[in-house]
Amino acid sequence: MKLLSSLGSALSLMFVAVALFKLRSVALFRADVAVCIWAFASALGLTFGVYFVYLRNRIAELEKRLTGPE
């Protein structure tokens, strides 16, 4: 489960890199539009980041509960 989670976060980082490259080309023409896009993407990324950390902690907690006290 952790491997799948790590793989998903690696794919997400690749998409972010591509998006930043595309955002740079937009910023060359219209800086105000690029700032709006950047603000929206940052808010969305922060929300998903917090959810991802919560979900990862929850998975770890459930795995500990399944193994039981040793």
Protein backbone atom coordinates (compact mmCIF):
# COMPACT_ATOMS: atom_id res chain seq x y z
CA MET A 1 0.00 0.00 0.00
CA LYS A 2 2.86 2.38 0.82
CA LEU A 3 4.52 1.53 -2.50
CA LEU A 4 1.36 2.49 -4.36
CA SER A 5 1.14 5.72 -2.39
CA SER A 6 4.77 6.57 -3.14
CA LEU A 7 4.29 5.79 -6.82
CA GLY A 8 1.27 8.09 -6.95
CA SER A 9 3.18 10.94 -5.34
CA ALA A 10 6.07 10.49 -7.80
CA LEU A 11 3.63 10.69 -10.72
CA SER A 12 2.07 13.79 -9.20
CA LEU A 13 5.46 15.47 -8.96
CA MET A 14 6.09 14.73 -12.65
CA PHE A 15 2.77 16.35 -13.56
CA VAL A 16 3.66 19.38 -11.43
CA ALA A 17 6.96 19.74 -13.29
CA VAL A 18 5.17 19.70 -16.65
CA ALA A 19 2.58 22.19 -15.37
CA LEU A 20 5.28 24.58 -14.16
CA PHE A 21 6.96 24.45 -17.55
CA LYS A 22 3.66 25.27 -19.25
CA LEU A 23 2.96 28.02 -16.71
CA ARG A 24 6.28 29.62 -17.58
CA SER A 25 5.21 29.94 -21.22
CA VAL A 26 1.94 31.57 -20.11
CA ALA A 27 3.85 33.97 -17.84
CA LEU A 28 5.89 35.21 -20.78
CA PHE A 29 2.71 36.61 -22.35
CA ARG A 30 0.37 37.44 -19.44
CA ALA A 31 1.79 37.65 -15.92
CA ASP A 32 -1.59 38.32 -14.27
CA VAL A 33 -3.12 35.14 -15.72
CA ALA A 34 -0.06 33.17 -14.65
CA VAL A 35 -0.38 34.47 -11.07
CA CYS A 36 -4.05 33.44 -10.95
CA ILE A 37 -3.24 29.98 -12.26
CA TRP A 38 -0.37 29.67 -9.79
CA ALA A 39 -2.59 30.68 -6.85
CA PHE A 40 -5.27 28.19 -7.83
CA ALA A 41 -2.76 25.38 -8.31
CA SER A 42 -1.06 26.18 -4.99
CA ALA A 43 -4.34 26.07 -3.09
CA LEU A 44 -5.30 22.83 -4.79
CA GLY A 45 -1.88 21.31 -4.16
CA LEU A 46 -1.95 22.32 -0.51
CA THR A 47 -5.38 20.75 -0.05
CA PHE A 48 -4.33 17.49 -1.68
CA GLY A 49 -1.04 17.53 0.24
CA VAL A 50 -2.79 17.80 3.59
CA TYR A 51 -5.22 15.06 2.58
CA PHE A 52 -2.34 12.87 1.39
CA VAL A 53 -0.49 13.22 4.71
CA TYR A 54 -3.70 12.43 6.61
CA LEU A 55 -4.38 9.40 4.44
CA ARG A 56 -0.83 8.11 4.76
CA ASN A 57 -0.98 8.42 8.57
CA ARG A 58 -4.34 6.68 8.60
CA ILE A 59 -2.96 3.79 6.52
CA ALA A 60 0.01 3.44 8.89
CA GLU A 61 -2.34 3.43 11.88
CA LEU A 62 -4.53 0.73 10.33
CA GLU A 63 -1.50 -1.40 9.47
CA LYS A 64 -0.33 -1.18 13.08
CA ARG A 65 -3.78 -2.17 14.29
CA LEU A 66 -3.88 -5.18 11.96
CA THR A 67 -0.49 -6.48 13.09
CA GLY A 68 -1.45 -6.10 16.76
CA PRO A 69 0.83 -5.52 19.71
CA GLU A 70 4.03 -7.52 19.55
